[in-house]
Amino acid sequence: MESRPPFPPFDAQTAAQKVRLAEDGWNMRDPKKAALAYTEDTRWRNRSEFVNGRAEVEAFLTRKWVREIDYRLIKELWAFTGDRIAVRFGLRMA
């Protein structure tokens, strides 16, 4: 797994920094690099699709970014405690 600072436990400044780095990584639209932000055993949901593991994240992002080319993802820090960060997502259309 690729590890990049800032590391937990987070404070307001480092949590916001981590969110911004994640936003920038997502908006580069490189599925292989973006997938490295997730653990090997990551599990998440995007609408009705469930994604399990880094390989599925990369495949999902590859499909997604072929279809969705005219937006920029915006991540906003919603809450944090210790080693967890919650974000709110928004889109800005090109």
C-alpha atoms as a PDB file:
ATOM      1  CA  MET A   1       0.000   0.000   0.000  1.00  0.00           C
ATOM      2  CA  GLU A   2       1.258   3.453  -0.833  1.00  0.00           C
ATOM      3  CA  SER A   3       1.405   5.669   2.242  1.00  0.00           C
ATOM      4  CA  ARG A   4       1.483   9.428   2.008  1.00  0.00           C
ATOM      5  CA  PRO A   5       1.391  12.015   4.745  1.00  0.00           C
ATOM      6  CA  PRO A   6      -0.381  13.422   6.549  1.00  0.00           C
ATOM      7  CA  PHE A   7      -0.933  10.369   8.718  1.00  0.00           C
ATOM      8  CA  PRO A   8      -3.476   9.841  11.489  1.00  0.00           C
ATOM      9  CA  PRO A   9      -4.330  10.921  14.046  1.00  0.00           C
ATOM     10  CA  PHE A  10      -5.717  13.943  12.210  1.00  0.00           C
ATOM     11  CA  ASP A  11      -6.310  17.465  13.432  1.00  0.00           C
ATOM     12  CA  ALA A  12      -8.340  20.065  11.521  1.00  0.00           C
ATOM     13  CA  GLN A  13      -5.379  21.140   9.392  1.00  0.00           C
ATOM     14  CA  THR A  14      -4.085  17.668   8.495  1.00  0.00           C
ATOM     15  CA  ALA A  15      -7.584  16.307   7.834  1.00  0.00           C
ATOM     16  CA  ALA A  16      -8.256  19.170   5.393  1.00  0.00           C
ATOM     17  CA  GLN A  17      -4.864  18.593   3.765  1.00  0.00           C
ATOM     18  CA  LYS A  18      -5.580  14.867   3.320  1.00  0.00           C
ATOM     19  CA  VAL A  19      -8.959  15.648   1.728  1.00  0.00           C
ATOM     20  CA  ARG A  20      -7.356  18.121  -0.708  1.00  0.00           C
ATOM     21  CA  LEU A  21      -4.687  15.589  -1.690  1.00  0.00           C
ATOM     22  CA  ALA A  22      -7.405  12.985  -2.319  1.00  0.00           C
ATOM     23  CA  GLU A  23      -9.372  15.480  -4.427  1.00  0.00           C
ATOM     24  CA  ASP A  24      -6.301  16.322  -6.506  1.00  0.00           C
ATOM     25  CA  GLY A  25      -5.468  12.644  -6.992  1.00  0.00           C
ATOM     26  CA  TRP A  26      -9.002  11.850  -8.141  1.00  0.00           C
ATOM     27  CA  ASN A  27      -9.102  14.746 -10.588  1.00  0.00           C
ATOM     28  CA  MET A  28      -5.872  13.642 -12.295  1.00  0.00           C
ATOM     29  CA  ARG A  29      -8.026  10.826 -13.736  1.00  0.00           C
ATOM     30  CA  ASP A  30      -5.317   8.194 -13.628  1.00  0.00           C
ATOM     31  CA  PRO A  31      -7.154   5.065 -12.416  1.00  0.00           C
ATOM     32  CA  LYS A  32      -3.986   3.193 -11.491  1.00  0.00           C
ATOM     33  CA  LYS A  33      -2.650   6.059  -9.346  1.00  0.00           C
ATOM     34  CA  ALA A  34      -6.039   6.917  -7.855  1.00  0.00           C
ATOM     35  CA  ALA A  35      -6.599   3.283  -6.848  1.00  0.00           C
ATOM     36  CA  LEU A  36      -3.401   3.397  -4.783  1.00  0.00           C
ATOM     37  CA  ALA A  37      -5.197   5.724  -2.363  1.00  0.00           C
ATOM     38  CA  TYR A  38      -7.352   2.758  -1.306  1.00  0.00           C
ATOM     39  CA  THR A  39      -6.311  -0.281   0.719  1.00  0.00           C
ATOM     40  CA  GLU A  40      -6.076  -3.719  -0.896  1.00  0.00           C
ATOM     41  CA  ASP A  41      -9.243  -4.745   0.971  1.00  0.00           C
ATOM     42  CA  THR A  42     -11.175  -1.495   0.532  1.00  0.00           C
ATOM     43  CA  ARG A  43     -14.960  -1.698   0.286  1.00  0.00           C
ATOM     44  CA  TRP A  44     -17.192   1.112  -0.880  1.00  0.00           C
ATOM     45  CA  ARG A  45     -20.399   1.839  -2.723  1.00  0.00           C
ATOM     46  CA  ASN A  46     -21.085   4.145  -5.637  1.00  0.00           C
ATOM     47  CA  ARG A  47     -24.823   4.410  -6.104  1.00  0.00           C
ATOM     48  CA  SER A  48     -25.893   0.799  -6.847  1.00  0.00           C
ATOM     49  CA  GLU A  49     -22.403  -0.577  -7.536  1.00  0.00           C
ATOM     50  CA  PHE A  50     -20.318  -2.164  -4.807  1.00  0.00           C
ATOM     51  CA  VAL A  51     -16.538  -2.093  -5.216  1.00  0.00           C
ATOM     52  CA  ASN A  52     -14.280  -4.481  -3.305  1.00  0.00           C
ATOM     53  CA  GLY A  53     -10.506  -4.266  -3.406  1.00  0.00           C
ATOM     54  CA  ARG A  54      -8.030  -2.060  -5.188  1.00  0.00           C
ATOM     55  CA  ALA A  55      -8.262  -3.932  -8.518  1.00  0.00           C
ATOM     56  CA  GLU A  56     -12.028  -3.324  -8.637  1.00  0.00           C
ATOM     57  CA  VAL A  57     -11.492   0.342  -7.751  1.00  0.00           C
ATOM     58  CA  GLU A  58      -9.125   0.716 -10.714  1.00  0.00           C
ATOM     59  CA  ALA A  59     -11.569  -1.044 -13.079  1.00  0.00           C
ATOM     60  CA  PHE A  60     -14.487   1.048 -11.788  1.00  0.00           C
ATOM     61  CA  LEU A  61     -12.594   4.313 -12.244  1.00  0.00           C
ATOM     62  CA  THR A  62     -11.472   3.320 -15.739  1.00  0.00           C
ATOM     63  CA  ARG A  63     -15.105   2.737 -16.787  1.00  0.00           C
ATOM     64  CA  LYS A  64     -16.354   5.839 -14.979  1.00  0.00           C
ATOM     65  CA  TRP A  65     -13.841   8.234 -16.466  1.00  0.00           C
ATOM     66  CA  VAL A  66     -14.458   7.043 -20.022  1.00  0.00           C
ATOM     67  CA  ARG A  67     -18.106   8.131 -19.659  1.00  0.00           C
ATOM     68  CA  GLU A  68     -17.824  11.118 -17.352  1.00  0.00           C
ATOM     69  CA  ILE A  69     -15.352  13.580 -18.817  1.00  0.00           C
ATOM     70  CA  ASP A  70     -16.862  17.013 -18.210  1.00  0.00           C
ATOM     71  CA  TYR A  71     -16.646  17.490 -14.479  1.00  0.00           C
ATOM     72  CA  ARG A  72     -14.245  18.046 -11.621  1.00  0.00           C
ATOM     73  CA  LEU A  73     -14.824  16.331  -8.287  1.00  0.00           C
ATOM     74  CA  ILE A  74     -14.888  18.571  -5.225  1.00  0.00           C
ATOM     75  CA  LYS A  75     -14.293  17.031  -1.805  1.00  0.00           C
ATOM     76  CA  GLU A  76     -15.088  19.005   1.332  1.00  0.00           C
ATOM     77  CA  LEU A  77     -14.079  17.947   4.821  1.00  0.00           C
ATOM     78  CA  TRP A  78     -17.273  17.031   6.653  1.00  0.00           C
ATOM     79  CA  ALA A  79     -15.927  15.600   9.915  1.00  0.00           C
ATOM     80  CA  PHE A  80     -12.888  13.877  11.376  1.00  0.00           C
ATOM     81  CA  THR A  81     -11.813  12.087  14.525  1.00  0.00           C
ATOM     82  CA  GLY A  82      -8.499  10.402  15.149  1.00  0.00           C
ATOM     83  CA  ASP A  83      -7.885   8.185  12.127  1.00  0.00           C
ATOM     84  CA  ARG A  84     -11.178   8.691  10.255  1.00  0.00           C
ATOM     85  CA  ILE A  85     -12.240  11.394   7.817  1.00  0.00           C
ATOM     86  CA  ALA A  86     -15.699  11.954   6.352  1.00  0.00           C
ATOM     87  CA  VAL A  87     -16.110  14.039   3.209  1.00  0.00           C
ATOM     88  CA  ARG A  88     -18.933  15.608   1.277  1.00  0.00           C
ATOM     89  CA  PHE A  89     -18.728  15.286  -2.499  1.00  0.00           C
ATOM     90  CA  GLY A  90     -19.749  17.787  -5.127  1.00  0.00           C
ATOM     91  CA  LEU A  91     -19.205  18.222  -8.843  1.00  0.00           C
ATOM     92  CA  ARG A  92     -18.240  21.204 -10.915  1.00  0.00           C
ATOM     93  CA  MET A  93     -19.200  20.854 -14.560  1.00  0.00           C
ATOM     94  CA  ALA A  94     -16.779  22.008 -17.209  1.00  0.00           C
END
